[in-house]
Amino acid sequence: MSSSVSILIVDDEAQMRRLLRTSLENEGFKITLAENGTEAIRLAESTRFDLIILDLGLPDIDGVDVLKKFRTWVKYPIIILSARTDEPDIISALNAGANDYLTKPFRSGELTARVRSALRIYNSALQKDDKFSFDAVVVDLDGHTVSKNNEPIKLTPTEFSLLALFIRNAGKVLTHNYILQQVWGPKFEGESQYTRVYVGQLRKKLEDDPNAPKYFITESGIGYRLSVETD
């Protein structure tokens, strides 16, 4: 996969750009560099990339604004790689359409793993039909059925809506407010107890060990992620 995958890296620090380029080119990815938001937007408008790695602290345009601009036409994954570690900054970027968020300093191996996971999930989503499976769990989104180990699992309508939201955003961190708006509606913004209760119910019904979840992962202070390996 790597040799044909093209990645745009947007970062204002020359040393960081060199580090990222070397690290990802060693993994076989084709790399294009941009040092500010204006250049990044121009490149993304004129070139077909498979993924973007975006810093938030750009000299000309704030990275979240660049992200919002990208999301007016870019459908492929965007990973934030930033020195900003405050939860409001992370939540703002995720709400603006980032697929993932890593903070600096970072481990090259972790970045590569996140890149491969984002690409795998995105490409799988392009090819799959309305059936989605992870390990022993099979979900038919069109038929509104769920099974585990070939045994039917009964979900309430709200539980199924939440599961479907996770599946359509597999691998992506979803904030509490995004989940609330999509499943319960805008009036429920801030009512994060709803997400905790219903994610707990999905864990009880679908995880092998609800107390050590493998699929429905908590992103502390932010929200949840459906972590699955797709074929």
C-alpha atoms as a PDB file:
ATOM      1  CA  MET A   1       0.000   0.000   0.000  1.00  0.00           C
ATOM      2  CA  SER A   2       2.686   2.506   1.009  1.00  0.00           C
ATOM      3  CA  SER A   3       4.467   2.948  -2.323  1.00  0.00           C
ATOM      4  CA  SER A   4       1.382   4.442  -3.973  1.00  0.00           C
ATOM      5  CA  VAL A   5       0.197   6.458  -0.964  1.00  0.00           C
ATOM      6  CA  SER A   6       0.740  10.202  -1.151  1.00  0.00           C
ATOM      7  CA  ILE A   7       0.820  12.256   2.054  1.00  0.00           C
ATOM      8  CA  LEU A   8       0.820  16.042   2.484  1.00  0.00           C
ATOM      9  CA  ILE A   9       2.691  17.226   5.589  1.00  0.00           C
ATOM     10  CA  VAL A  10       1.890  20.744   6.810  1.00  0.00           C
ATOM     11  CA  ASP A  11       4.254  22.127   9.462  1.00  0.00           C
ATOM     12  CA  ASP A  12       6.052  25.448   9.844  1.00  0.00           C
ATOM     13  CA  GLU A  13       9.178  23.973  11.481  1.00  0.00           C
ATOM     14  CA  ALA A  14      11.808  22.938   8.916  1.00  0.00           C
ATOM     15  CA  GLN A  15      13.370  20.408  11.301  1.00  0.00           C
ATOM     16  CA  MET A  16       9.996  18.780  11.962  1.00  0.00           C
ATOM     17  CA  ARG A  17       9.219  18.607   8.238  1.00  0.00           C
ATOM     18  CA  ARG A  18      12.548  16.884   7.609  1.00  0.00           C
ATOM     19  CA  LEU A  19      11.951  14.438  10.455  1.00  0.00           C
ATOM     20  CA  LEU A  20       8.469  13.556   9.251  1.00  0.00           C
ATOM     21  CA  ARG A  21       9.579  13.237   5.648  1.00  0.00           C
ATOM     22  CA  THR A  22      12.471  10.928   6.516  1.00  0.00           C
ATOM     23  CA  SER A  23      10.379   8.804   8.862  1.00  0.00           C
ATOM     24  CA  LEU A  24       7.478   8.300   6.461  1.00  0.00           C
ATOM     25  CA  GLU A  25       9.566   7.962   3.295  1.00  0.00           C
ATOM     26  CA  ASN A  26      11.452   5.157   5.041  1.00  0.00           C
ATOM     27  CA  GLU A  27       8.057   3.432   5.340  1.00  0.00           C
ATOM     28  CA  GLY A  28       7.501   3.800   1.597  1.00  0.00           C
ATOM     29  CA  PHE A  29       5.117   6.762   1.541  1.00  0.00           C
ATOM     30  CA  LYS A  30       5.355   9.548  -1.036  1.00  0.00           C
ATOM     31  CA  ILE A  31       5.691  12.868   0.805  1.00  0.00           C
ATOM     32  CA  THR A  32       4.882  16.468  -0.144  1.00  0.00           C
ATOM     33  CA  LEU A  33       5.715  19.312   2.241  1.00  0.00           C
ATOM     34  CA  ALA A  34       4.021  22.640   3.006  1.00  0.00           C
ATOM     35  CA  GLU A  35       5.276  25.201   5.526  1.00  0.00           C
ATOM     36  CA  ASN A  36       2.098  27.258   5.972  1.00  0.00           C
ATOM     37  CA  GLY A  37      -1.650  27.127   5.538  1.00  0.00           C
ATOM     38  CA  THR A  38      -1.800  29.045   2.280  1.00  0.00           C
ATOM     39  CA  GLU A  39       0.657  26.711   0.576  1.00  0.00           C
ATOM     40  CA  ALA A  40      -1.117  23.666   2.006  1.00  0.00           C
ATOM     41  CA  ILE A  41      -4.510  24.740   0.675  1.00  0.00           C
ATOM     42  CA  ARG A  42      -3.017  25.449  -2.760  1.00  0.00           C
ATOM     43  CA  LEU A  43      -1.359  22.041  -2.888  1.00  0.00           C
ATOM     44  CA  ALA A  44      -4.458  20.202  -1.684  1.00  0.00           C
ATOM     45  CA  GLU A  45      -6.583  21.966  -4.293  1.00  0.00           C
ATOM     46  CA  SER A  46      -4.240  21.023  -7.149  1.00  0.00           C
ATOM     47  CA  THR A  47      -3.001  17.567  -6.098  1.00  0.00           C
ATOM     48  CA  ARG A  48      -4.759  14.340  -5.093  1.00  0.00           C
ATOM     49  CA  PHE A  49      -3.381  13.156  -1.761  1.00  0.00           C
ATOM     50  CA  ASP A  50      -4.395  10.116   0.275  1.00  0.00           C
ATOM     51  CA  LEU A  51      -3.843  11.663   3.717  1.00  0.00           C
ATOM     52  CA  ILE A  52      -2.839  14.967   5.322  1.00  0.00           C
ATOM     53  CA  ILE A  53      -0.767  15.466   8.468  1.00  0.00           C
ATOM     54  CA  LEU A  54      -1.507  18.963   9.771  1.00  0.00           C
ATOM     55  CA  ASP A  55       0.100  21.111  12.468  1.00  0.00           C
ATOM     56  CA  LEU A  56      -2.186  23.644  14.173  1.00  0.00           C
ATOM     57  CA  GLY A  57       0.398  26.337  14.943  1.00  0.00           C
ATOM     58  CA  LEU A  58       0.909  27.711  11.449  1.00  0.00           C
ATOM     59  CA  PRO A  59       2.322  31.221  10.849  1.00  0.00           C
ATOM     60  CA  ASP A  60      -0.343  32.562   8.498  1.00  0.00           C
ATOM     61  CA  ILE A  61      -3.634  30.724   9.183  1.00  0.00           C
ATOM     62  CA  ASP A  62      -4.628  28.859  12.318  1.00  0.00           C
ATOM     63  CA  GLY A  63      -4.524  25.128  11.704  1.00  0.00           C
ATOM     64  CA  VAL A  64      -8.160  24.609  12.731  1.00  0.00           C
ATOM     65  CA  ASP A  65      -9.229  27.106  10.062  1.00  0.00           C
ATOM     66  CA  VAL A  66      -7.080  25.283   7.503  1.00  0.00           C
ATOM     67  CA  LEU A  67      -8.731  22.029   8.610  1.00  0.00           C
ATOM     68  CA  LYS A  68     -12.203  23.526   8.155  1.00  0.00           C
ATOM     69  CA  LYS A  69     -11.208  24.736   4.683  1.00  0.00           C
ATOM     70  CA  PHE A  70      -9.907  21.278   3.772  1.00  0.00           C
ATOM     71  CA  ARG A  71     -13.137  19.669   4.925  1.00  0.00           C
ATOM     72  CA  THR A  72     -15.175  21.629   2.368  1.00  0.00           C
ATOM     73  CA  TRP A  73     -13.876  19.166  -0.229  1.00  0.00           C
ATOM     74  CA  VAL A  74     -11.328  16.744   1.282  1.00  0.00           C
ATOM     75  CA  LYS A  75     -12.882  13.392   2.223  1.00  0.00           C
ATOM     76  CA  TYR A  76      -9.707  11.421   2.921  1.00  0.00           C
ATOM     77  CA  PRO A  77      -8.105  11.268   6.410  1.00  0.00           C
ATOM     78  CA  ILE A  78      -6.548  14.255   8.149  1.00  0.00           C
ATOM     79  CA  ILE A  79      -4.345  13.648  11.197  1.00  0.00           C
ATOM     80  CA  ILE A  80      -3.448  16.526  13.506  1.00  0.00           C
ATOM     81  CA  LEU A  81       0.116  16.534  14.825  1.00  0.00           C
ATOM     82  CA  SER A  82       0.470  19.453  17.206  1.00  0.00           C
ATOM     83  CA  ALA A  83       2.213  20.753  20.314  1.00  0.00           C
ATOM     84  CA  ARG A  84      -1.176  21.906  21.609  1.00  0.00           C
ATOM     85  CA  THR A  85      -2.157  19.492  24.374  1.00  0.00           C
ATOM     86  CA  ASP A  86      -5.145  21.249  25.981  1.00  0.00           C
ATOM     87  CA  GLU A  87      -8.427  19.347  25.701  1.00  0.00           C
ATOM     88  CA  PRO A  88     -10.319  22.330  24.171  1.00  0.00           C
ATOM     89  CA  ASP A  89      -7.783  22.460  21.309  1.00  0.00           C
ATOM     90  CA  ILE A  90      -8.062  18.713  20.709  1.00  0.00           C
ATOM     91  CA  ILE A  91     -11.859  18.797  20.829  1.00  0.00           C
ATOM     92  CA  SER A  92     -11.976  21.816  18.492  1.00  0.00           C
ATOM     93  CA  ALA A  93      -9.856  20.005  15.902  1.00  0.00           C
ATOM     94  CA  LEU A  94     -11.862  16.796  16.139  1.00  0.00           C
ATOM     95  CA  ASN A  95     -15.132  18.693  15.830  1.00  0.00           C
ATOM     96  CA  ALA A  96     -13.727  20.470  12.764  1.00  0.00           C
ATOM     97  CA  GLY A  97     -13.192  17.132  11.033  1.00  0.00           C
ATOM     98  CA  ALA A  98      -9.835  15.671  12.082  1.00  0.00           C
ATOM     99  CA  ASN A  99      -9.671  11.884  12.009  1.00  0.00           C
ATOM    100  CA  ASP A 100      -7.022  11.653  14.690  1.00  0.00           C
ATOM    101  CA  TYR A 101      -4.883  13.848  16.970  1.00  0.00           C
ATOM    102  CA  LEU A 102      -1.322  13.226  18.108  1.00  0.00           C
ATOM    103  CA  THR A 103       0.640  15.561  20.342  1.00  0.00           C
ATOM    104  CA  LYS A 104       4.313  16.498  20.031  1.00  0.00           C
ATOM    105  CA  PRO A 105       6.712  15.027  20.954  1.00  0.00           C
ATOM    106  CA  PHE A 106       5.628  11.784  19.321  1.00  0.00           C
ATOM    107  CA  ARG A 107       7.029   8.346  18.541  1.00  0.00           C
ATOM    108  CA  SER A 108       7.615   7.692  14.850  1.00  0.00           C
ATOM    109  CA  GLY A 109       6.257   4.183  15.177  1.00  0.00           C
ATOM    110  CA  GLU A 110       3.002   5.433  16.671  1.00  0.00           C
ATOM    111  CA  LEU A 111       2.563   8.021  13.918  1.00  0.00           C
ATOM    112  CA  THR A 112       3.124   5.383  11.236  1.00  0.00           C
ATOM    113  CA  ALA A 113       0.618   3.073  12.913  1.00  0.00           C
ATOM    114  CA  ARG A 114      -1.991   5.851  13.080  1.00  0.00           C
ATOM    115  CA  VAL A 115      -1.399   6.707   9.409  1.00  0.00           C
ATOM    116  CA  ARG A 116      -1.799   3.085   8.318  1.00  0.00           C
ATOM    117  CA  SER A 117      -4.915   2.632  10.466  1.00  0.00           C
ATOM    118  CA  ALA A 118      -6.570   5.786   9.096  1.00  0.00           C
ATOM    119  CA  LEU A 119      -5.840   4.745   5.507  1.00  0.00           C
ATOM    120  CA  ARG A 120      -7.013   1.166   6.060  1.00  0.00           C
ATOM    121  CA  ILE A 121     -10.307   2.268   7.594  1.00  0.00           C
ATOM    122  CA  TYR A 122     -10.921   4.917   4.927  1.00  0.00           C
ATOM    123  CA  ASN A 123     -10.215   2.519   2.044  1.00  0.00           C
ATOM    124  CA  SER A 124     -12.334  -0.194   3.638  1.00  0.00           C
ATOM    125  CA  ALA A 125     -15.231   2.245   4.014  1.00  0.00           C
ATOM    126  CA  LEU A 126     -15.061   3.029   0.294  1.00  0.00           C
ATOM    127  CA  GLN A 127     -15.391  -0.642  -0.601  1.00  0.00           C
ATOM    128  CA  LYS A 128     -17.681  -2.136   2.009  1.00  0.00           C
ATOM    129  CA  ASP A 129     -21.420  -2.604   1.743  1.00  0.00           C
ATOM    130  CA  ASP A 130     -23.872  -2.155   4.622  1.00  0.00           C
ATOM    131  CA  LYS A 131     -22.408  -5.090   6.552  1.00  0.00           C
ATOM    132  CA  PHE A 132     -19.616  -4.424   9.014  1.00  0.00           C
ATOM    133  CA  SER A 133     -17.763  -6.931  11.151  1.00  0.00           C
ATOM    134  CA  PHE A 134     -15.114  -6.891  13.831  1.00  0.00           C
ATOM    135  CA  ASP A 135     -13.968 -10.204  15.219  1.00  0.00           C
ATOM    136  CA  ALA A 136     -17.116 -12.182  16.152  1.00  0.00           C
ATOM    137  CA  VAL A 137     -19.481  -9.192  15.843  1.00  0.00           C
ATOM    138  CA  VAL A 138     -21.438  -8.681  12.605  1.00  0.00           C
ATOM    139  CA  VAL A 139     -23.613  -5.612  12.038  1.00  0.00           C
ATOM    140  CA  ASP A 140     -26.076  -5.231   9.166  1.00  0.00           C
ATOM    141  CA  LEU A 141     -26.690  -1.484   9.000  1.00  0.00           C
ATOM    142  CA  ASP A 142     -29.414  -1.817   6.396  1.00  0.00           C
ATOM    143  CA  GLY A 143     -31.223  -4.667   8.141  1.00  0.00           C
ATOM    144  CA  HIS A 144     -30.691  -3.209  11.635  1.00  0.00           C
ATOM    145  CA  THR A 145     -29.421  -6.530  12.993  1.00  0.00           C
ATOM    146  CA  VAL A 146     -26.436  -7.397  15.169  1.00  0.00           C
ATOM    147  CA  SER A 147     -24.955 -10.779  15.989  1.00  0.00           C
ATOM    148  CA  LYS A 148     -22.002 -12.073  17.979  1.00  0.00           C
ATOM    149  CA  ASN A 149     -20.644 -15.579  17.565  1.00  0.00           C
ATOM    150  CA  ASN A 150     -23.602 -16.136  15.203  1.00  0.00           C
ATOM    151  CA  GLU A 151     -26.061 -15.387  18.017  1.00  0.00           C
ATOM    152  CA  PRO A 152     -28.440 -12.404  17.603  1.00  0.00           C
ATOM    153  CA  ILE A 153     -27.847  -9.457  19.914  1.00  0.00           C
ATOM    154  CA  LYS A 154     -30.831  -7.282  20.766  1.00  0.00           C
ATOM    155  CA  LEU A 155     -30.109  -3.549  20.786  1.00  0.00           C
ATOM    156  CA  THR A 156     -32.526  -0.732  21.537  1.00  0.00           C
ATOM    157  CA  PRO A 157     -33.067   1.784  18.711  1.00  0.00           C
ATOM    158  CA  THR A 158     -30.818   4.300  20.481  1.00  0.00           C
ATOM    159  CA  GLU A 159     -28.094   1.716  21.049  1.00  0.00           C
ATOM    160  CA  PHE A 160     -28.216   0.755  17.376  1.00  0.00           C
ATOM    161  CA  SER A 161     -28.060   4.412  16.274  1.00  0.00           C
ATOM    162  CA  LEU A 162     -25.009   4.917  18.458  1.00  0.00           C
ATOM    163  CA  LEU A 163     -23.359   1.750  17.124  1.00  0.00           C
ATOM    164  CA  ALA A 164     -24.067   2.825  13.531  1.00  0.00           C
ATOM    165  CA  LEU A 165     -22.486   6.221  14.228  1.00  0.00           C
ATOM    166  CA  PHE A 166     -19.355   4.516  15.553  1.00  0.00           C
ATOM    167  CA  ILE A 167     -19.199   2.194  12.545  1.00  0.00           C
ATOM    168  CA  ARG A 168     -19.518   5.026  10.036  1.00  0.00           C
ATOM    169  CA  ASN A 169     -16.650   6.763  11.845  1.00  0.00           C
ATOM    170  CA  ALA A 170     -14.572   3.680  12.708  1.00  0.00           C
ATOM    171  CA  GLY A 171     -11.147   4.611  14.015  1.00  0.00           C
ATOM    172  CA  LYS A 172     -12.056   8.259  14.467  1.00  0.00           C
ATOM    173  CA  VAL A 173     -12.292   9.967  17.844  1.00  0.00           C
ATOM    174  CA  LEU A 174     -15.858  11.238  18.348  1.00  0.00           C
ATOM    175  CA  THR A 175     -16.390  13.957  20.939  1.00  0.00           C
ATOM    176  CA  HIS A 176     -19.181  13.720  23.498  1.00  0.00           C
ATOM    177  CA  ASN A 177     -21.032  16.660  21.943  1.00  0.00           C
ATOM    178  CA  TYR A 178     -20.735  15.270  18.405  1.00  0.00           C
ATOM    179  CA  ILE A 179     -22.228  11.963  19.552  1.00  0.00           C
ATOM    180  CA  LEU A 180     -25.008  13.737  21.443  1.00  0.00           C
ATOM    181  CA  GLN A 181     -25.889  15.924  18.450  1.00  0.00           C
ATOM    182  CA  GLN A 182     -25.932  12.997  16.017  1.00  0.00           C
ATOM    183  CA  VAL A 183     -27.843  10.500  18.177  1.00  0.00           C
ATOM    184  CA  TRP A 184     -29.944  12.583  20.571  1.00  0.00           C
ATOM    185  CA  GLY A 185     -30.068  16.015  18.914  1.00  0.00           C
ATOM    186  CA  PRO A 186     -28.632  19.486  19.627  1.00  0.00           C
ATOM    187  CA  LYS A 187     -30.745  20.015  22.770  1.00  0.00           C
ATOM    188  CA  PHE A 188     -28.652  17.373  24.540  1.00  0.00           C
ATOM    189  CA  GLU A 189     -25.309  19.163  24.115  1.00  0.00           C
ATOM    190  CA  GLY A 190     -23.303  18.881  27.326  1.00  0.00           C
ATOM    191  CA  GLU A 191     -25.279  15.888  28.628  1.00  0.00           C
ATOM    192  CA  SER A 192     -22.301  13.531  28.489  1.00  0.00           C
ATOM    193  CA  GLN A 193     -23.898  11.098  30.947  1.00  0.00           C
ATOM    194  CA  TYR A 194     -26.004   9.845  28.012  1.00  0.00           C
ATOM    195  CA  THR A 195     -22.913   8.836  26.058  1.00  0.00           C
ATOM    196  CA  ARG A 196     -21.351   7.147  29.095  1.00  0.00           C
ATOM    197  CA  VAL A 197     -24.473   5.106  29.847  1.00  0.00           C
ATOM    198  CA  TYR A 198     -25.098   3.971  26.288  1.00  0.00           C
ATOM    199  CA  VAL A 199     -21.459   3.222  25.487  1.00  0.00           C
ATOM    200  CA  GLY A 200     -21.515   1.149  28.675  1.00  0.00           C
ATOM    201  CA  GLN A 201     -24.513  -0.760  27.333  1.00  0.00           C
ATOM    202  CA  LEU A 202     -22.780  -1.458  24.012  1.00  0.00           C
ATOM    203  CA  ARG A 203     -19.734  -2.708  25.903  1.00  0.00           C
ATOM    204  CA  LYS A 204     -21.873  -5.085  27.966  1.00  0.00           C
ATOM    205  CA  LYS A 205     -23.510  -6.513  24.863  1.00  0.00           C
ATOM    206  CA  LEU A 206     -20.605  -6.587  22.407  1.00  0.00           C
ATOM    207  CA  GLU A 207     -17.299  -6.653  24.299  1.00  0.00           C
ATOM    208  CA  ASP A 208     -15.822  -9.908  25.591  1.00  0.00           C
ATOM    209  CA  ASP A 209     -14.824  -8.049  28.763  1.00  0.00           C
ATOM    210  CA  PRO A 210     -16.788  -4.809  29.297  1.00  0.00           C
ATOM    211  CA  ASN A 211     -14.384  -3.781  32.052  1.00  0.00           C
ATOM    212  CA  ALA A 212     -11.420  -3.967  29.670  1.00  0.00           C
ATOM    213  CA  PRO A 213     -12.969  -2.807  26.373  1.00  0.00           C
ATOM    214  CA  LYS A 214     -11.219  -3.692  23.145  1.00  0.00           C
ATOM    215  CA  TYR A 215     -13.521  -1.906  20.700  1.00  0.00           C
ATOM    216  CA  PHE A 216     -15.264   1.033  22.387  1.00  0.00           C
ATOM    217  CA  ILE A 217     -12.278   2.996  23.646  1.00  0.00           C
ATOM    218  CA  THR A 218     -12.544   5.996  25.985  1.00  0.00           C
ATOM    219  CA  GLU A 219     -10.547   9.069  24.961  1.00  0.00           C
ATOM    220  CA  SER A 220     -10.280  10.718  28.371  1.00  0.00           C
ATOM    221  CA  GLY A 221     -12.052  14.067  28.576  1.00  0.00           C
ATOM    222  CA  ILE A 222     -12.866  14.009  24.861  1.00  0.00           C
ATOM    223  CA  GLY A 223     -15.144  11.156  23.830  1.00  0.00           C
ATOM    224  CA  TYR A 224     -14.868   7.681  22.346  1.00  0.00           C
ATOM    225  CA  ARG A 225     -13.340   5.779  19.445  1.00  0.00           C
ATOM    226  CA  LEU A 226     -14.420   2.522  17.804  1.00  0.00           C
ATOM    227  CA  SER A 227     -11.089   0.720  17.521  1.00  0.00           C
ATOM    228  CA  VAL A 228     -11.270  -2.143  15.044  1.00  0.00           C
ATOM    229  CA  GLU A 229      -9.000  -3.831  12.546  1.00  0.00           C
ATOM    230  CA  THR A 230     -10.727  -4.005   9.164  1.00  0.00           C
ATOM    231  CA  ASP A 231      -9.761  -6.306   6.295  1.00  0.00           C
END
